[in-house]
Amino acid sequence: MVRQKERILVLAGWLSAAIAGLHVGIVFFGAPAYRYFGAGEDMARQAEAGSFVPAAMTLAIAAVFAVFALYAFSGAGRFRRLPLLRTGLVAISAIYLVRGFSLLQELARYDSGAVLPRHLAFSFTSLVIGLLYLAGTILLWPSLSSRQKV
């Protein structure tokens, strides 16, 4: 059974895994998905032209999110201890939070029509996941030490 404190990182891990899966799906849906999720017109055109570059880049990003998920599961004790666990979880928290804090800038520009509602949702999602990683890391900090207690 998952202890209460561990649930936060387990949830963060599953959300990262879902984002990894979403990126794999983008590769299969092609140019429309690249456009919808904000990868840019250049990426969409390359995908339409049959270039392997957008797929390779997107799959690499999916792999990064999968590693993020593994770090969350490792921190929650659901997966073997990964190297630099504390450092990794802090870095992952920071990455999600930096992306999430762009929500403030997007909200300021929202009335001008320069920001689509889905972009607000993407930023909000990143902010929530970043807060989950941060909270889980803080709550489990002592148990994340590489030194075993005697």
Protein backbone atom coordinates (compact mmCIF):
# COMPACT_ATOMS: atom_id res chain seq x y z
CA MET A 1 0.00 0.00 0.00
CA VAL A 2 1.24 3.44 -0.88
CA ARG A 3 1.87 5.66 2.14
CA GLN A 4 0.12 9.02 2.14
CA LYS A 5 3.32 11.03 1.58
CA GLU A 6 4.31 8.85 -1.37
CA ARG A 7 1.00 9.35 -3.17
CA ILE A 8 1.99 12.83 -4.28
CA LEU A 9 5.07 11.61 -6.14
CA VAL A 10 3.19 8.62 -7.51
CA LEU A 11 0.57 10.98 -8.94
CA ALA A 12 3.30 13.23 -10.36
CA GLY A 13 4.90 10.18 -11.92
CA TRP A 14 1.69 9.05 -13.59
CA LEU A 15 1.11 12.57 -14.93
CA SER A 16 4.63 12.64 -16.38
CA ALA A 17 4.03 9.20 -17.90
CA ALA A 18 0.80 10.50 -19.45
CA ILE A 19 2.67 13.44 -20.96
CA ALA A 20 5.25 11.02 -22.35
CA GLY A 21 2.43 9.01 -23.90
CA LEU A 22 0.88 12.17 -25.30
CA HIS A 23 4.15 12.99 -27.06
CA VAL A 24 4.23 9.51 -28.60
CA GLY A 25 0.67 10.11 -29.79
CA ILE A 26 1.69 13.39 -31.38
CA VAL A 27 4.14 11.50 -33.59
CA PHE A 28 1.33 9.23 -34.82
CA PHE A 29 -1.17 12.04 -35.41
CA GLY A 30 1.42 14.09 -37.27
CA ALA A 31 1.20 17.67 -38.47
CA PRO A 32 -2.22 18.55 -36.99
CA ALA A 33 -1.01 17.46 -33.55
CA TYR A 34 2.24 19.42 -33.88
CA ARG A 35 0.16 22.51 -34.71
CA TYR A 36 -2.37 21.97 -31.93
CA PHE A 37 0.21 21.44 -29.22
CA GLY A 38 2.29 24.43 -30.28
CA ALA A 39 5.35 22.79 -31.80
CA GLY A 40 5.33 25.37 -34.56
CA GLU A 41 4.50 25.52 -38.20
CA ASP A 42 8.02 24.48 -39.22
CA MET A 43 7.73 21.20 -37.29
CA ALA A 44 4.28 20.58 -38.78
CA ARG A 45 5.53 21.19 -42.31
CA GLN A 46 8.51 18.92 -41.78
CA ALA A 47 6.17 16.19 -40.54
CA GLU A 48 3.95 16.67 -43.60
CA ALA A 49 7.02 16.40 -45.83
CA GLY A 50 7.91 13.06 -44.25
CA SER A 51 10.98 14.25 -42.37
CA PHE A 52 12.07 12.07 -39.46
CA VAL A 53 13.28 15.12 -37.49
CA PRO A 54 9.96 16.07 -35.82
CA ALA A 55 9.31 12.47 -34.81
CA ALA A 56 12.84 12.01 -33.47
CA MET A 57 12.67 15.24 -31.47
CA THR A 58 9.22 14.44 -30.11
CA LEU A 59 10.21 10.90 -29.13
CA ALA A 60 13.29 12.28 -27.38
CA ILE A 61 11.03 14.63 -25.42
CA ALA A 62 8.75 11.68 -24.60
CA ALA A 63 11.77 9.80 -23.27
CA VAL A 64 12.64 12.75 -21.02
CA PHE A 65 9.13 12.75 -19.55
CA ALA A 66 9.36 8.97 -19.07
CA VAL A 67 12.58 9.50 -17.10
CA PHE A 68 10.79 12.17 -15.05
CA ALA A 69 8.12 9.55 -14.25
CA LEU A 70 10.76 7.02 -13.22
CA TYR A 71 12.32 9.55 -10.86
CA ALA A 72 8.95 10.22 -9.25
CA PHE A 73 8.29 6.49 -8.85
CA SER A 74 11.80 5.99 -7.47
CA GLY A 75 11.31 8.79 -4.96
CA ALA A 76 8.04 7.21 -3.87
CA GLY A 77 9.78 3.87 -3.37
CA ARG A 78 7.93 2.19 -6.25
CA PHE A 79 11.02 1.76 -8.41
CA ARG A 80 14.67 1.13 -7.61
CA ARG A 81 16.65 4.06 -6.30
CA LEU A 82 17.93 6.14 -9.21
CA PRO A 83 21.22 8.06 -9.16
CA LEU A 84 21.10 11.63 -7.86
CA LEU A 85 17.50 11.11 -6.77
CA ARG A 86 17.17 14.27 -4.69
CA THR A 87 18.93 16.40 -7.30
CA GLY A 88 16.82 14.88 -10.07
CA LEU A 89 13.54 15.52 -8.28
CA VAL A 90 14.50 19.11 -7.47
CA ALA A 91 15.53 19.69 -11.10
CA ILE A 92 12.32 18.12 -12.43
CA SER A 93 10.27 20.28 -10.05
CA ALA A 94 12.10 23.37 -11.30
CA ILE A 95 11.59 22.47 -14.97
CA TYR A 96 7.84 22.00 -14.53
CA LEU A 97 7.55 25.13 -12.37
CA VAL A 98 9.46 27.35 -14.80
CA ARG A 99 7.14 26.17 -17.58
CA GLY A 100 4.13 26.57 -15.29
CA PHE A 101 5.01 30.09 -14.22
CA SER A 102 4.70 31.19 -17.85
CA LEU A 103 0.99 31.07 -17.00
CA LEU A 104 1.37 34.50 -15.38
CA GLN A 105 2.74 36.04 -18.57
CA GLU A 106 0.12 34.27 -20.66
CA LEU A 107 -2.70 35.52 -18.43
CA ALA A 108 -1.41 39.08 -18.87
CA ARG A 109 -1.56 38.68 -22.66
CA TYR A 110 -4.77 36.64 -22.78
CA ASP A 111 -7.14 39.58 -23.35
CA SER A 112 -5.21 40.60 -26.46
CA GLY A 113 -6.05 37.28 -28.10
CA ALA A 114 -2.36 36.39 -28.38
CA VAL A 115 -2.80 33.36 -26.11
CA LEU A 116 -5.16 30.48 -26.79
CA PRO A 117 -7.09 28.91 -23.89
CA ARG A 118 -5.33 25.58 -24.46
CA HIS A 119 -1.97 27.27 -23.88
CA LEU A 120 -3.24 28.44 -20.49
CA ALA A 121 -4.28 24.85 -19.77
CA PHE A 122 -0.83 23.53 -20.75
CA SER A 123 0.89 26.04 -18.47
CA PHE A 124 -1.53 25.38 -15.61
CA THR A 125 -0.94 21.64 -15.96
CA SER A 126 2.82 22.18 -15.79
CA LEU A 127 2.41 24.34 -12.71
CA VAL A 128 0.31 21.71 -10.94
CA ILE A 129 2.72 18.89 -11.80
CA GLY A 130 5.67 21.01 -10.69
CA LEU A 131 3.98 21.69 -7.37
CA LEU A 132 3.29 17.95 -6.94
CA TYR A 133 6.96 17.11 -7.58
CA LEU A 134 8.05 19.87 -5.19
CA ALA A 135 5.63 18.89 -2.42
CA GLY A 136 6.43 15.19 -2.75
CA THR A 137 10.16 15.89 -2.73
CA ILE A 138 9.89 18.07 0.37
CA LEU A 139 7.70 15.57 2.23
CA LEU A 140 9.96 12.63 1.41
CA TRP A 141 13.28 14.51 1.65
CA PRO A 142 14.74 12.50 4.57
CA SER A 143 13.94 9.17 2.92
CA LEU A 144 15.47 10.33 -0.38
CA SER A 145 18.95 10.41 1.11
CA SER A 146 21.46 8.05 -0.50
CA ARG A 147 22.75 7.14 2.96
CA GLN A 148 21.03 4.25 4.65
CA LYS A 149 19.95 4.83 8.23
CA VAL A 150 21.47 2.38 10.68
